[in-house]
Amino acid sequence: MNILTAAIVSNSEMIKNYKACREKAEGFRKIFVLKNNQPDAVLFSIAEYERLSVFIEYLESLDAKDIAKITESLPKKELVKDVILTI
């Protein structure tokens, strides 16, 4: 997963400047909130949430067997690298 450093805000920045963070989320489609320099939350723009909710609702409609098939096709955790910060 690539995360733009410009799309990262601190928890305190989110609390103090919610409106600016919300506008930033609109521009980047999502922003990542850090608490004590660790990932804590993600704020999605409504457009991004609507785009992703189609997939979420589809996945929720699947039975366990179908979910297992999808899970098997995903990369294994040991192959996934740490979050890459890009400028």
N, C-alpha and C. Protein backbone atom coordinates (compact mmCIF):
# COMPACT_ATOMS: atom_id res chain seq x y z
N MET A 1 0.84 -1.16 0.00
CA MET A 1 0.00 0.00 0.00
C MET A 1 0.89 1.23 0.00
N ASN A 2 0.64 2.13 -0.91
CA ASN A 2 1.37 3.40 -0.95
C ASN A 2 0.55 4.47 -0.26
N ILE A 3 1.21 5.22 0.60
CA ILE A 3 0.55 6.32 1.29
C ILE A 3 1.35 7.58 1.04
N LEU A 4 0.70 8.57 0.49
CA LEU A 4 1.37 9.85 0.29
C LEU A 4 1.56 10.53 1.64
N THR A 5 2.74 11.05 1.87
CA THR A 5 2.98 11.73 3.15
C THR A 5 2.04 12.93 3.32
N ALA A 6 1.65 13.54 2.22
CA ALA A 6 0.72 14.68 2.30
C ALA A 6 -0.67 14.24 2.75
N ALA A 7 -0.97 12.95 2.67
CA ALA A 7 -2.28 12.43 3.06
C ALA A 7 -2.27 11.87 4.48
N ILE A 8 -1.26 12.24 5.26
CA ILE A 8 -1.15 11.79 6.65
C ILE A 8 -1.36 12.99 7.56
N VAL A 9 -2.20 12.81 8.57
CA VAL A 9 -2.39 13.86 9.57
C VAL A 9 -2.28 13.23 10.95
N SER A 10 -1.91 14.04 11.91
CA SER A 10 -1.85 13.55 13.29
C SER A 10 -3.25 13.60 13.91
N ASN A 11 -3.42 12.83 14.94
CA ASN A 11 -4.68 12.82 15.66
C ASN A 11 -5.00 14.22 16.19
N SER A 12 -3.99 14.91 16.71
CA SER A 12 -4.22 16.26 17.25
C SER A 12 -4.59 17.24 16.14
N GLU A 13 -3.98 17.08 14.95
CA GLU A 13 -4.35 17.94 13.82
C GLU A 13 -5.80 17.69 13.43
N MET A 14 -6.23 16.43 13.44
CA MET A 14 -7.61 16.09 13.10
C MET A 14 -8.57 16.75 14.08
N ILE A 15 -8.23 16.73 15.36
CA ILE A 15 -9.09 17.32 16.38
C ILE A 15 -9.15 18.84 16.24
N LYS A 16 -8.00 19.45 16.01
CA LYS A 16 -7.92 20.91 15.95
C LYS A 16 -8.44 21.49 14.63
N ASN A 17 -8.24 20.76 13.54
CA ASN A 17 -8.55 21.28 12.20
C ASN A 17 -9.38 20.31 11.39
N TYR A 18 -10.50 19.87 11.96
CA TYR A 18 -11.31 18.86 11.27
C TYR A 18 -11.72 19.30 9.86
N LYS A 19 -12.17 20.54 9.73
CA LYS A 19 -12.63 21.01 8.42
C LYS A 19 -11.52 20.91 7.38
N ALA A 20 -10.32 21.34 7.72
CA ALA A 20 -9.20 21.27 6.78
C ALA A 20 -8.85 19.81 6.46
N CYS A 21 -8.93 18.94 7.46
CA CYS A 21 -8.66 17.51 7.23
C CYS A 21 -9.72 16.89 6.33
N ARG A 22 -10.97 17.28 6.55
CA ARG A 22 -12.05 16.78 5.69
C ARG A 22 -11.83 17.23 4.25
N GLU A 23 -11.42 18.48 4.05
CA GLU A 23 -11.14 18.97 2.70
C GLU A 23 -9.95 18.23 2.09
N LYS A 24 -8.96 17.93 2.91
CA LYS A 24 -7.81 17.17 2.44
C LYS A 24 -8.25 15.77 2.00
N ALA A 25 -9.16 15.17 2.74
CA ALA A 25 -9.68 13.85 2.38
C ALA A 25 -10.42 13.91 1.04
N GLU A 26 -11.11 14.99 0.79
CA GLU A 26 -11.78 15.15 -0.51
C GLU A 26 -10.75 15.15 -1.64
N GLY A 27 -9.65 15.85 -1.43
CA GLY A 27 -8.62 15.94 -2.46
C GLY A 27 -7.88 14.63 -2.69
N PHE A 28 -7.56 13.93 -1.60
CA PHE A 28 -6.79 12.68 -1.70
C PHE A 28 -7.69 11.44 -1.72
N ARG A 29 -8.99 11.60 -1.55
CA ARG A 29 -10.00 10.53 -1.44
C ARG A 29 -9.98 9.88 -0.06
N LYS A 30 -8.83 9.95 0.62
CA LYS A 30 -8.74 9.43 1.98
C LYS A 30 -7.49 10.01 2.63
N ILE A 31 -7.56 10.15 3.95
CA ILE A 31 -6.37 10.55 4.70
C ILE A 31 -6.17 9.56 5.84
N PHE A 32 -4.94 9.44 6.25
CA PHE A 32 -4.55 8.50 7.29
C PHE A 32 -4.24 9.30 8.55
N VAL A 33 -4.84 8.88 9.65
CA VAL A 33 -4.68 9.58 10.92
C VAL A 33 -3.72 8.77 11.80
N LEU A 34 -2.69 9.45 12.28
CA LEU A 34 -1.72 8.80 13.16
C LEU A 34 -1.93 9.24 14.60
N LYS A 35 -1.82 8.31 15.51
CA LYS A 35 -1.85 8.60 16.94
C LYS A 35 -0.57 8.04 17.53
N ASN A 36 0.22 8.89 18.16
CA ASN A 36 1.53 8.49 18.68
C ASN A 36 2.40 7.88 17.58
N ASN A 37 2.35 8.49 16.40
CA ASN A 37 3.12 8.06 15.23
C ASN A 37 2.78 6.67 14.73
N GLN A 38 1.61 6.18 15.06
CA GLN A 38 1.14 4.87 14.61
C GLN A 38 -0.20 5.05 13.89
N PRO A 39 -0.47 4.26 12.82
CA PRO A 39 -1.77 4.36 12.14
C PRO A 39 -2.90 4.13 13.13
N ASP A 40 -3.88 5.01 13.09
CA ASP A 40 -5.00 4.93 14.03
C ASP A 40 -6.34 4.87 13.32
N ALA A 41 -6.49 5.63 12.22
CA ALA A 41 -7.78 5.69 11.54
C ALA A 41 -7.58 6.18 10.11
N VAL A 42 -8.63 6.01 9.31
CA VAL A 42 -8.65 6.52 7.94
C VAL A 42 -9.94 7.30 7.77
N LEU A 43 -9.83 8.50 7.22
CA LEU A 43 -11.00 9.31 6.91
C LEU A 43 -11.17 9.29 5.40
N PHE A 44 -12.30 8.74 4.95
CA PHE A 44 -12.59 8.66 3.52
C PHE A 44 -13.48 9.83 3.10
N SER A 45 -13.29 10.30 1.89
CA SER A 45 -14.26 11.23 1.31
C SER A 45 -15.52 10.41 1.05
N ILE A 46 -16.65 11.06 0.94
CA ILE A 46 -17.89 10.33 0.68
C ILE A 46 -17.84 9.64 -0.68
N ALA A 47 -17.20 10.26 -1.65
CA ALA A 47 -17.08 9.65 -2.99
C ALA A 47 -16.28 8.34 -2.91
N GLU A 48 -15.20 8.36 -2.15
CA GLU A 48 -14.38 7.15 -2.01
C GLU A 48 -15.14 6.08 -1.23
N TYR A 49 -15.85 6.50 -0.18
CA TYR A 49 -16.65 5.54 0.59
C TYR A 49 -17.71 4.89 -0.29
N GLU A 50 -18.40 5.68 -1.09
CA GLU A 50 -19.43 5.12 -1.98
C GLU A 50 -18.82 4.14 -2.97
N ARG A 51 -17.63 4.46 -3.49
CA ARG A 51 -16.95 3.57 -4.43
C ARG A 51 -16.60 2.25 -3.75
N LEU A 52 -16.06 2.32 -2.53
CA LEU A 52 -15.66 1.11 -1.82
C LEU A 52 -16.85 0.34 -1.25
N SER A 53 -17.92 1.02 -0.91
CA SER A 53 -19.07 0.35 -0.29
C SER A 53 -19.70 -0.68 -1.23
N VAL A 54 -19.58 -0.47 -2.53
CA VAL A 54 -20.09 -1.46 -3.48
C VAL A 54 -19.38 -2.79 -3.28
N PHE A 55 -18.07 -2.76 -3.12
CA PHE A 55 -17.29 -3.98 -2.89
C PHE A 55 -17.58 -4.57 -1.52
N ILE A 56 -17.68 -3.72 -0.52
CA ILE A 56 -17.94 -4.20 0.83
C ILE A 56 -19.28 -4.92 0.89
N GLU A 57 -20.30 -4.31 0.31
CA GLU A 57 -21.63 -4.93 0.31
C GLU A 57 -21.61 -6.26 -0.45
N TYR A 58 -20.87 -6.31 -1.55
CA TYR A 58 -20.76 -7.56 -2.29
C TYR A 58 -20.10 -8.64 -1.43
N LEU A 59 -18.99 -8.30 -0.79
CA LEU A 59 -18.29 -9.27 0.06
C LEU A 59 -19.17 -9.75 1.21
N GLU A 60 -19.96 -8.85 1.77
CA GLU A 60 -20.86 -9.23 2.86
C GLU A 60 -21.93 -10.21 2.42
N SER A 61 -22.24 -10.21 1.12
CA SER A 61 -23.28 -11.11 0.61
C SER A 61 -22.76 -12.53 0.32
N LEU A 62 -21.44 -12.71 0.34
CA LEU A 62 -20.86 -14.01 0.02
C LEU A 62 -20.94 -14.97 1.20
N ASP A 63 -20.96 -16.26 0.88
CA ASP A 63 -20.91 -17.25 1.97
C ASP A 63 -19.44 -17.56 2.28
N ALA A 64 -19.23 -18.33 3.33
CA ALA A 64 -17.87 -18.61 3.82
C ALA A 64 -17.00 -19.28 2.76
N LYS A 65 -17.57 -20.16 1.96
CA LYS A 65 -16.80 -20.87 0.93
C LYS A 65 -16.27 -19.90 -0.12
N ASP A 66 -17.12 -18.97 -0.54
CA ASP A 66 -16.69 -17.99 -1.54
C ASP A 66 -15.64 -17.03 -0.97
N ILE A 67 -15.81 -16.66 0.27
CA ILE A 67 -14.83 -15.78 0.92
C ILE A 67 -13.48 -16.49 1.03
N ALA A 68 -13.51 -17.78 1.34
CA ALA A 68 -12.26 -18.56 1.43
C ALA A 68 -11.54 -18.58 0.09
N LYS A 69 -12.28 -18.71 -1.01
CA LYS A 69 -11.66 -18.69 -2.35
C LYS A 69 -10.98 -17.35 -2.62
N ILE A 70 -11.66 -16.28 -2.27
CA ILE A 70 -11.09 -14.95 -2.48
C ILE A 70 -9.86 -14.76 -1.61
N THR A 71 -9.96 -15.18 -0.36
CA THR A 71 -8.84 -15.04 0.58
C THR A 71 -7.61 -15.80 0.09
N GLU A 72 -7.81 -16.97 -0.48
CA GLU A 72 -6.69 -17.76 -1.00
C GLU A 72 -5.97 -17.05 -2.14
N SER A 73 -6.69 -16.22 -2.88
CA SER A 73 -6.07 -15.54 -4.02
C SER A 73 -5.32 -14.27 -3.62
N LEU A 74 -5.47 -13.83 -2.38
CA LEU A 74 -4.79 -12.61 -1.92
C LEU A 74 -3.33 -12.91 -1.60
N PRO A 75 -2.47 -11.87 -1.66
CA PRO A 75 -1.06 -12.07 -1.29
C PRO A 75 -0.96 -12.52 0.17
N LYS A 76 0.01 -13.35 0.44
CA LYS A 76 0.23 -13.83 1.80
C LYS A 76 0.83 -12.71 2.64
N LYS A 77 0.52 -12.68 3.93
CA LYS A 77 0.99 -11.60 4.80
C LYS A 77 2.50 -11.47 4.80
N GLU A 78 3.22 -12.58 4.78
CA GLU A 78 4.67 -12.49 4.82
C GLU A 78 5.25 -11.85 3.56
N LEU A 79 4.45 -11.78 2.49
CA LEU A 79 4.92 -11.15 1.26
C LEU A 79 4.61 -9.66 1.22
N VAL A 80 3.71 -9.23 2.07
CA VAL A 80 3.32 -7.82 2.09
C VAL A 80 4.35 -7.04 2.90
N LYS A 81 4.89 -6.00 2.27
CA LYS A 81 5.90 -5.16 2.93
C LYS A 81 5.22 -4.15 3.84
N ASP A 82 6.03 -3.50 4.69
CA ASP A 82 5.51 -2.43 5.53
C ASP A 82 4.97 -1.33 4.64
N VAL A 83 4.20 -0.45 5.22
CA VAL A 83 3.64 0.67 4.49
C VAL A 83 4.76 1.49 3.88
N ILE A 84 4.61 1.83 2.61
CA ILE A 84 5.60 2.62 1.89
C ILE A 84 5.14 4.06 1.87
N LEU A 85 5.94 4.94 2.41
CA LEU A 85 5.61 6.35 2.37
C LEU A 85 6.25 6.98 1.15
N THR A 86 5.43 7.62 0.34
CA THR A 86 5.94 8.28 -0.86
C THR A 86 5.57 9.75 -0.81
N ILE A 87 6.37 10.55 -1.49
CA ILE A 87 6.11 11.99 -1.51
C ILE A 87 5.29 12.33 -2.71
